C-alpha atoms as a PDB file:
ATOM      1  CA  MET A   1       9.204  52.790  17.134  1.00  0.00           C
ATOM      2  CA  THR A   2      12.443  52.000  15.150  1.00  0.00           C
ATOM      3  CA  SER A   3      12.747  52.876  11.458  1.00  0.00           C
ATOM      4  CA  GLN A   4      13.625  48.641  11.962  1.00  0.00           C
ATOM      5  CA  GLN A   5      10.808  47.665  13.237  1.00  0.00           C
ATOM      6  CA  LEU A   6       8.473  50.002  10.780  1.00  0.00           C
ATOM      7  CA  ARG A   7      10.689  48.401   7.720  1.00  0.00           C
ATOM      8  CA  GLN A   8       8.856  44.643   8.598  1.00  0.00           C
ATOM      9  CA  ARG A   9       6.149  46.189   9.451  1.00  0.00           C
ATOM     10  CA  LEU A  10       5.657  47.176   5.919  1.00  0.00           C
ATOM     11  CA  TRP A  11       7.051  43.737   4.716  1.00  0.00           C
ATOM     12  CA  GLN A  12       4.472  41.417   6.988  1.00  0.00           C
ATOM     13  CA  ARG A  13       2.184  43.947   5.247  1.00  0.00           C
ATOM     14  CA  LEU A  14       3.286  43.440   1.968  1.00  0.00           C
ATOM     15  CA  THR A  15       3.456  39.734   2.669  1.00  0.00           C
ATOM     16  CA  GLU A  16      -0.186  40.281   3.513  1.00  0.00           C
ATOM     17  CA  ALA A  17      -1.136  41.942   0.166  1.00  0.00           C
ATOM     18  CA  GLY A  18       0.376  38.963  -1.630  1.00  0.00           C
ATOM     19  CA  ILE A  19       3.845  40.753  -2.580  1.00  0.00           C
ATOM     20  CA  PRO A  20       6.055  38.212  -2.755  1.00  0.00           C
ATOM     21  CA  PRO A  21       9.723  39.306  -0.274  1.00  0.00           C
ATOM     22  CA  ALA A  22      11.956  39.071  -3.123  1.00  0.00           C
ATOM     23  CA  SER A  23       9.949  42.189  -4.842  1.00  0.00           C
ATOM     24  CA  GLN A  24       9.662  44.531  -1.512  1.00  0.00           C
ATOM     25  CA  GLN A  25      12.458  45.142  -1.568  1.00  0.00           C
ATOM     26  CA  ALA A  26      12.631  46.995  -4.538  1.00  0.00           C
ATOM     27  CA  LEU A  27       9.690  48.662  -4.660  1.00  0.00           C
ATOM     28  CA  LEU A  28      10.333  50.942  -1.867  1.00  0.00           C
ATOM     29  CA  ASP A  29      13.881  51.418  -3.761  1.00  0.00           C
ATOM     30  CA  ALA A  30      12.389  52.443  -6.935  1.00  0.00           C
ATOM     31  CA  GLY A  31       9.809  54.266  -5.154  1.00  0.00           C
ATOM     32  CA  ARG A  32       6.652  52.545  -5.786  1.00  0.00           C
ATOM     33  CA  LEU A  33       4.833  52.247  -3.329  1.00  0.00           C
ATOM     34  CA  SER A  34       3.292  56.098  -1.749  1.00  0.00           C
ATOM     35  CA  LEU A  35       0.253  56.488   0.982  1.00  0.00           C
ATOM     36  CA  VAL A  36      -1.872  57.860  -1.719  1.00  0.00           C
ATOM     37  CA  PRO A  37      -1.818  56.769  -5.430  1.00  0.00           C
ATOM     38  CA  ALA A  38       0.936  57.265  -7.860  1.00  0.00           C
ATOM     39  CA  THR A  39       0.631  61.054  -8.315  1.00  0.00           C
ATOM     40  CA  THR A  40       1.793  61.581  -4.777  1.00  0.00           C
ATOM     41  CA  SER A  41       5.125  61.251  -2.843  1.00  0.00           C
ATOM     42  CA  PRO A  42       7.168  58.056  -2.829  1.00  0.00           C
ATOM     43  CA  LEU A  43       6.349  56.734   0.415  1.00  0.00           C
ATOM     44  CA  LYS A  44       8.647  57.167   2.899  1.00  0.00           C
ATOM     45  CA  LEU A  45       9.540  55.125   6.217  1.00  0.00           C
ATOM     46  CA  SER A  46       8.962  57.226   8.604  1.00  0.00           C
ATOM     47  CA  HIS A  47       5.563  59.388   6.903  1.00  0.00           C
ATOM     48  CA  TRP A  48       4.612  55.336   7.381  1.00  0.00           C
ATOM     49  CA  LEU A  49       1.659  53.912  10.670  1.00  0.00           C
ATOM     50  CA  PRO A  50       1.609  50.266  10.940  1.00  0.00           C
ATOM     51  CA  ASN A  51      -1.941  50.532  10.988  1.00  0.00           C
ATOM     52  CA  ASP A  52      -1.988  52.562   7.566  1.00  0.00           C
ATOM     53  CA  SER A  53      -4.622  51.319   5.116  1.00  0.00           C
ATOM     54  CA  GLN A  54      -3.983  53.880   2.313  1.00  0.00           C
ATOM     55  CA  LEU A  55      -0.820  51.909   1.140  1.00  0.00           C
ATOM     56  CA  TRP A  56      -0.385  52.020  -2.339  1.00  0.00           C
ATOM     57  CA  VAL A  57       1.214  50.731  -5.616  1.00  0.00           C
ATOM     58  CA  ASP A  58       1.984  52.435  -8.305  1.00  0.00           C
ATOM     59  CA  ASN A  59      -1.931  53.097  -8.802  1.00  0.00           C
ATOM     60  CA  LEU A  60      -3.273  49.853  -7.420  1.00  0.00           C
ATOM     61  CA  GLN A  61      -4.878  50.414  -3.663  1.00  0.00           C
ATOM     62  CA  LEU A  62      -3.710  47.188  -1.700  1.00  0.00           C
ATOM     63  CA  PRO A  63      -6.345  45.270   0.348  1.00  0.00           C
ATOM     64  CA  ALA A  64      -7.498  46.270   3.473  1.00  0.00           C
ATOM     65  CA  VAL A  65      -5.721  43.951   5.718  1.00  0.00           C
ATOM     66  CA  PRO A  66      -9.314  41.946   7.849  1.00  0.00           C
ATOM     67  CA  PRO A  67      -9.778  41.424  10.675  1.00  0.00           C
ATOM     68  CA  ARG A  68      -7.214  38.646  12.744  1.00  0.00           C
ATOM     69  CA  GLN A  69      -9.295  35.620  14.117  1.00  0.00           C
ATOM     70  CA  TYR A  70      -8.863  32.460  16.359  1.00  0.00           C
ATOM     71  CA  TRP A  71     -10.375  29.143  16.314  1.00  0.00           C
ATOM     72  CA  ALA A  72      -9.591  25.652  17.538  1.00  0.00           C
ATOM     73  CA  TYR A  73     -10.755  22.623  16.225  1.00  0.00           C
ATOM     74  CA  HIS A  74     -11.430  19.699  17.807  1.00  0.00           C
ATOM     75  CA  LYS A  75      -9.910  17.491  14.234  1.00  0.00           C
ATOM     76  CA  PRO A  76     -10.516  13.604  14.135  1.00  0.00           C
ATOM     77  CA  VAL A  77      -8.874  10.697  12.999  1.00  0.00           C
ATOM     78  CA  GLY A  78      -9.495  10.400   9.534  1.00  0.00           C
ATOM     79  CA  VAL A  79      -9.359  14.523   8.104  1.00  0.00           C
ATOM     80  CA  ASP A  80      -6.243  15.339   6.104  1.00  0.00           C
ATOM     81  CA  CYS A  81      -4.143  18.888   6.428  1.00  0.00           C
ATOM     82  CA  ASN A  82      -3.845  18.779   2.520  1.00  0.00           C
ATOM     83  CA  VAL A  83      -6.026  21.553   1.250  1.00  0.00           C
ATOM     84  CA  ARG A  84      -7.292  20.317  -1.272  1.00  0.00           C
ATOM     85  CA  THR A  85     -10.710  20.740  -2.925  1.00  0.00           C
ATOM     86  CA  SER A  86     -11.347  17.786  -4.592  1.00  0.00           C
ATOM     87  CA  ASP A  87     -10.437  15.376  -2.317  1.00  0.00           C
ATOM     88  CA  PRO A  88     -13.585  14.318   0.133  1.00  0.00           C
ATOM     89  CA  HIS A  89     -11.310  13.867   3.907  1.00  0.00           C
ATOM     90  CA  SER A  90     -10.284  17.494   3.468  1.00  0.00           C
ATOM     91  CA  ILE A  91      -9.305  20.173   5.819  1.00  0.00           C
ATOM     92  CA  ALA A  92     -10.947  22.496   3.128  1.00  0.00           C
ATOM     93  CA  SER A  93     -14.669  21.066   4.098  1.00  0.00           C
ATOM     94  CA  VAL A  94     -13.945  23.137   7.202  1.00  0.00           C
ATOM     95  CA  LEU A  95     -12.005  26.497   6.293  1.00  0.00           C
ATOM     96  CA  GLN A  96     -14.561  26.905   3.785  1.00  0.00           C
ATOM     97  CA  HIS A  97     -17.315  27.536   5.958  1.00  0.00           C
ATOM     98  CA  LEU A  98     -14.506  29.971   8.073  1.00  0.00           C
ATOM     99  CA  PRO A  99     -14.053  33.623   6.620  1.00  0.00           C
ATOM    100  CA  ALA A 100     -11.649  34.157   3.704  1.00  0.00           C
ATOM    101  CA  GLY A 101      -7.532  33.518   4.567  1.00  0.00           C
ATOM    102  CA  VAL A 102      -7.997  31.111   7.235  1.00  0.00           C
ATOM    103  CA  PHE A 103      -5.990  28.256   7.585  1.00  0.00           C
ATOM    104  CA  ALA A 104      -4.647  25.480   9.549  1.00  0.00           C
ATOM    105  CA  ILE A 105      -1.720  26.344  11.675  1.00  0.00           C
ATOM    106  CA  GLY A 106       0.482  23.097  11.483  1.00  0.00           C
ATOM    107  CA  ARG A 107      -0.890  19.405  10.876  1.00  0.00           C
ATOM    108  CA  LEU A 108      -1.688  16.507  12.789  1.00  0.00           C
ATOM    109  CA  ASP A 109      -1.742  13.406  10.976  1.00  0.00           C
ATOM    110  CA  LYS A 110      -4.376  11.940   9.451  1.00  0.00           C
ATOM    111  CA  ASP A 111      -4.947   9.273  11.701  1.00  0.00           C
ATOM    112  CA  SER A 112      -4.679  11.862  14.676  1.00  0.00           C
ATOM    113  CA  CYS A 113      -6.981  14.076  16.703  1.00  0.00           C
ATOM    114  CA  GLY A 114      -7.946  16.873  18.904  1.00  0.00           C
ATOM    115  CA  LEU A 115      -6.467  20.084  18.714  1.00  0.00           C
ATOM    116  CA  LEU A 116      -5.486  22.424  15.646  1.00  0.00           C
ATOM    117  CA  LEU A 117      -5.297  25.828  14.879  1.00  0.00           C
ATOM    118  CA  LEU A 118      -6.918  27.502  12.362  1.00  0.00           C
ATOM    119  CA  SER A 119      -6.286  31.375  11.533  1.00  0.00           C
ATOM    120  CA  ASN A 120      -5.559  34.161   9.039  1.00  0.00           C
ATOM    121  CA  ASP A 121      -2.996  35.514  10.889  1.00  0.00           C
ATOM    122  CA  GLY A 122       0.334  34.628   8.919  1.00  0.00           C
ATOM    123  CA  ALA A 123       2.893  35.927  12.362  1.00  0.00           C
ATOM    124  CA  PHE A 124       1.287  34.017  14.669  1.00  0.00           C
ATOM    125  CA  ALA A 125       1.638  31.010  12.293  1.00  0.00           C
ATOM    126  CA  GLN A 126       5.556  32.011  12.140  1.00  0.00           C
ATOM    127  CA  ARG A 127       6.531  32.002  15.842  1.00  0.00           C
ATOM    128  CA  LEU A 128       3.459  29.031  16.604  1.00  0.00           C
ATOM    129  CA  LEU A 129       5.765  26.740  13.885  1.00  0.00           C
ATOM    130  CA  HIS A 130       9.230  28.111  13.990  1.00  0.00           C
ATOM    131  CA  PRO A 131      11.696  25.158  15.555  1.00  0.00           C
ATOM    132  CA  ALA A 132      13.902  28.070  17.173  1.00  0.00           C
ATOM    133  CA  GLN A 133      10.589  29.246  19.621  1.00  0.00           C
ATOM    134  CA  GLN A 134       9.997  25.317  20.648  1.00  0.00           C
ATOM    135  CA  HIS A 135       6.612  26.042  21.747  1.00  0.00           C
ATOM    136  CA  GLN A 136       5.735  22.866  23.741  1.00  0.00           C
ATOM    137  CA  LYS A 137       2.852  20.529  22.336  1.00  0.00           C
ATOM    138  CA  THR A 138       1.049  17.958  24.840  1.00  0.00           C
ATOM    139  CA  TYR A 139       0.085  14.581  23.399  1.00  0.00           C
ATOM    140  CA  GLN A 140      -1.947  11.161  24.682  1.00  0.00           C
ATOM    141  CA  VAL A 141      -0.671   8.304  23.104  1.00  0.00           C
ATOM    142  CA  GLN A 142      -2.068   5.166  23.355  1.00  0.00           C
ATOM    143  CA  VAL A 143       0.106   2.272  22.210  1.00  0.00           C
ATOM    144  CA  ASP A 144      -0.078  -1.673  22.378  1.00  0.00           C
ATOM    145  CA  LYS A 145       2.215  -2.863  24.429  1.00  0.00           C
ATOM    146  CA  THR A 146       3.633  -1.615  28.153  1.00  0.00           C
ATOM    147  CA  VAL A 147       6.092   0.629  28.714  1.00  0.00           C
ATOM    148  CA  SER A 148       8.792  -0.412  30.825  1.00  0.00           C
ATOM    149  CA  THR A 149      10.974   2.637  32.233  1.00  0.00           C
ATOM    150  CA  ILE A 150      14.483   2.109  30.183  1.00  0.00           C
ATOM    151  CA  MET A 151      11.835   3.597  27.221  1.00  0.00           C
ATOM    152  CA  LEU A 152      10.269   5.954  29.003  1.00  0.00           C
ATOM    153  CA  GLN A 153      13.539   7.579  30.002  1.00  0.00           C
ATOM    154  CA  GLN A 154      15.187   7.311  26.130  1.00  0.00           C
ATOM    155  CA  LEU A 155      12.096   9.175  24.526  1.00  0.00           C
ATOM    156  CA  ARG A 156      13.335  11.771  27.481  1.00  0.00           C
ATOM    157  CA  VAL A 157      16.891  12.019  26.744  1.00  0.00           C
ATOM    158  CA  GLY A 158      16.210  12.017  23.117  1.00  0.00           C
ATOM    159  CA  LEU A 159      16.083   9.263  20.227  1.00  0.00           C
ATOM    160  CA  CYS A 160      17.677   8.542  17.621  1.00  0.00           C
ATOM    161  CA  TYR A 161      14.746   6.904  15.368  1.00  0.00           C
ATOM    162  CA  ARG A 162      14.142   6.157  10.941  1.00  0.00           C
ATOM    163  CA  ALA A 163      11.810   7.923   9.185  1.00  0.00           C
ATOM    164  CA  GLY A 164      12.029   5.725   5.460  1.00  0.00           C
ATOM    165  CA  THR A 165      15.630   5.765   4.777  1.00  0.00           C
ATOM    166  CA  GLN A 166      16.637   8.733   6.934  1.00  0.00           C
ATOM    167  CA  TRP A 167      18.246   8.520  10.615  1.00  0.00           C
ATOM    168  CA  ILE A 168      16.780  11.251  12.967  1.00  0.00           C
ATOM    169  CA  GLU A 169      17.614  12.671  15.826  1.00  0.00           C
ATOM    170  CA  ALA A 170      15.009  13.926  18.475  1.00  0.00           C
ATOM    171  CA  ARG A 171      14.769  16.698  21.041  1.00  0.00           C
ATOM    172  CA  PRO A 172      14.285  15.145  24.398  1.00  0.00           C
ATOM    173  CA  CYS A 173      10.806  15.076  25.007  1.00  0.00           C
ATOM    174  CA  LEU A 174       8.458  15.293  28.533  1.00  0.00           C
ATOM    175  CA  ALA A 175       7.576  11.487  28.458  1.00  0.00           C
ATOM    176  CA  GLU A 176       4.481  10.364  31.416  1.00  0.00           C
ATOM    177  CA  LEU A 177       2.788   7.505  31.947  1.00  0.00           C
ATOM    178  CA  LEU A 178      -0.619   7.813  32.579  1.00  0.00           C
ATOM    179  CA  ALA A 179      -1.227   3.664  32.647  1.00  0.00           C
ATOM    180  CA  PRO A 180       0.712   0.843  31.438  1.00  0.00           C
ATOM    181  CA  THR A 181      -0.166   1.298  27.711  1.00  0.00           C
ATOM    182  CA  LEU A 182      -0.971   5.086  27.790  1.00  0.00           C
ATOM    183  CA  LEU A 183       1.741   7.756  27.350  1.00  0.00           C
ATOM    184  CA  GLN A 184       1.400  12.015  27.549  1.00  0.00           C
ATOM    185  CA  LEU A 185       4.339  12.782  25.399  1.00  0.00           C
ATOM    186  CA  THR A 186       4.957  17.056  25.777  1.00  0.00           C
ATOM    187  CA  LEU A 187       7.670  17.808  22.611  1.00  0.00           C
ATOM    188  CA  THR A 188       9.061  21.024  21.474  1.00  0.00           C
ATOM    189  CA  GLU A 189       9.042  20.068  17.900  1.00  0.00           C
ATOM    190  CA  GLY A 190       6.857  18.119  15.488  1.00  0.00           C
ATOM    191  CA  LYS A 191       8.487  16.463  12.623  1.00  0.00           C
ATOM    192  CA  ASN A 192       6.358  14.699  10.018  1.00  0.00           C
ATOM    193  CA  ARG A 193       4.509  11.324  12.047  1.00  0.00           C
ATOM    194  CA  GLN A 194       7.350  11.985  14.623  1.00  0.00           C
ATOM    195  CA  ILE A 195       5.538  10.189  17.583  1.00  0.00           C
ATOM    196  CA  ARG A 196       4.937   7.415  16.003  1.00  0.00           C
ATOM    197  CA  TYR A 197       8.211   6.687  14.332  1.00  0.00           C
ATOM    198  CA  MET A 198       9.567   7.194  17.700  1.00  0.00           C
ATOM    199  CA  CYS A 199       7.143   5.008  19.208  1.00  0.00           C
ATOM    200  CA  LYS A 200       8.165   2.308  16.420  1.00  0.00           C
ATOM    201  CA  GLN A 201      11.978   2.782  17.412  1.00  0.00           C
ATOM    202  CA  LEU A 202      11.274   1.277  20.695  1.00  0.00           C
ATOM    203  CA  GLY A 203       8.945  -1.458  19.520  1.00  0.00           C
ATOM    204  CA  LEU A 204       5.899   0.325  20.263  1.00  0.00           C
ATOM    205  CA  LYS A 205       2.890   0.428  17.755  1.00  0.00           C
ATOM    206  CA  VAL A 206       0.567   4.017  17.765  1.00  0.00           C
ATOM    207  CA  LEU A 207      -3.160   2.982  18.069  1.00  0.00           C
ATOM    208  CA  GLN A 208      -4.063   6.390  18.577  1.00  0.00           C
ATOM    209  CA  LEU A 209      -3.009   9.840  19.233  1.00  0.00           C
ATOM    210  CA  GLN A 210      -4.439  12.335  20.016  1.00  0.00           C
ATOM    211  CA  ARG A 211      -2.888  16.774  21.064  1.00  0.00           C
ATOM    212  CA  ILE A 212      -4.182  17.706  24.311  1.00  0.00           C
ATOM    213  CA  SER A 213      -2.522  21.399  24.514  1.00  0.00           C
ATOM    214  CA  ILE A 214      -0.784  23.701  22.414  1.00  0.00           C
ATOM    215  CA  GLY A 215       1.819  26.001  25.037  1.00  0.00           C
ATOM    216  CA  ALA A 216      -0.948  26.664  27.470  1.00  0.00           C
ATOM    217  CA  LEU A 217      -4.246  25.732  25.187  1.00  0.00           C
ATOM    218  CA  SER A 218      -5.928  23.074  26.292  1.00  0.00           C
ATOM    219  CA  LEU A 219      -7.725  21.371  24.156  1.00  0.00           C
ATOM    220  CA  PRO A 220     -11.245  23.289  25.151  1.00  0.00           C
ATOM    221  CA  GLU A 221     -14.695  21.679  25.388  1.00  0.00           C
ATOM    222  CA  LEU A 222     -14.693  20.836  21.584  1.00  0.00           C
ATOM    223  CA  ASN A 223     -17.616  17.571  20.079  1.00  0.00           C
ATOM    224  CA  THR A 224     -15.023  15.877  17.229  1.00  0.00           C
ATOM    225  CA  GLY A 225     -15.170  18.484  14.685  1.00  0.00           C
ATOM    226  CA  GLU A 226     -16.186  21.422  16.256  1.00  0.00           C
ATOM    227  CA  VAL A 227     -14.906  24.929  15.952  1.00  0.00           C
ATOM    228  CA  ARG A 228     -14.896  27.330  18.293  1.00  0.00           C
ATOM    229  CA  GLU A 229     -13.510  31.182  18.161  1.00  0.00           C
ATOM    230  CA  LEU A 230     -10.803  32.200  20.630  1.00  0.00           C
ATOM    231  CA  SER A 231     -10.873  34.580  22.983  1.00  0.00           C
ATOM    232  CA  PRO A 232      -7.906  36.876  23.603  1.00  0.00           C
ATOM    233  CA  GLN A 233      -6.457  35.224  26.317  1.00  0.00           C
ATOM    234  CA  GLN A 234      -6.650  31.413  24.616  1.00  0.00           C
ATOM    235  CA  VAL A 235      -5.079  33.098  22.270  1.00  0.00           C
ATOM    236  CA  ALA A 236      -2.480  33.937  23.942  1.00  0.00           C
ATOM    237  CA  GLN A 237      -2.589  30.620  26.148  1.00  0.00           C
ATOM    238  CA  ALA A 238      -1.592  29.527  22.517  1.00  0.00           C
ATOM    239  CA  VAL A 239       2.037  30.730  22.482  1.00  0.00           C
ATOM    240  CA  MET A 240       3.357  30.387  26.448  1.00  0.00           C
ATOM    241  CA  GLY A 241       5.697  27.518  26.642  1.00  0.00           C
END
């Protein structure tokens, strides 16, 4: 592993322990990181291994990194992805039954349902959500009117839609017509309420919106509201495509 790779892994380890990125280089430069309590030599990157749990800042040992875990959640309509424990509709009521540190990766709006991933792996979440990665997410969208060929073509080439006072240019997407009023859309971005705004721009009202896949991972056979831990193979599928 190169020095740069070690440095990146160290930053990730410090971030996981709750140390803000802006402070990390200063801690290393000041010699405040060590592999045992601060009575010994400061940390040198060449002596550190990414799986080393004995990492100290001054005389405080960093907490061990918990094992990485991943779940699929079939989010129902009505559940909000905010984490306010005072909100009876918050996803916090789901997360409280999972290990500490688990969060929702991305979001589905309150009126939408379908596949939502939950994890305690920040690097995995960043990989899925970063716009440059262009990971595919597929949705089935029931609308109130017949979808024309022209509408399909506008979706496929990328249209400009209005969101409040802003005009936003959507990337081209895969658009299929499963029935006269049922669309299947595959997007490589996930702006706030994007599908609803795109459909509104075409004169369509969304009646039902369900996310059916993330990458190559399809919504498992889950009852609405059910959570299931993913296998390593399923986790890998989520970042394919």
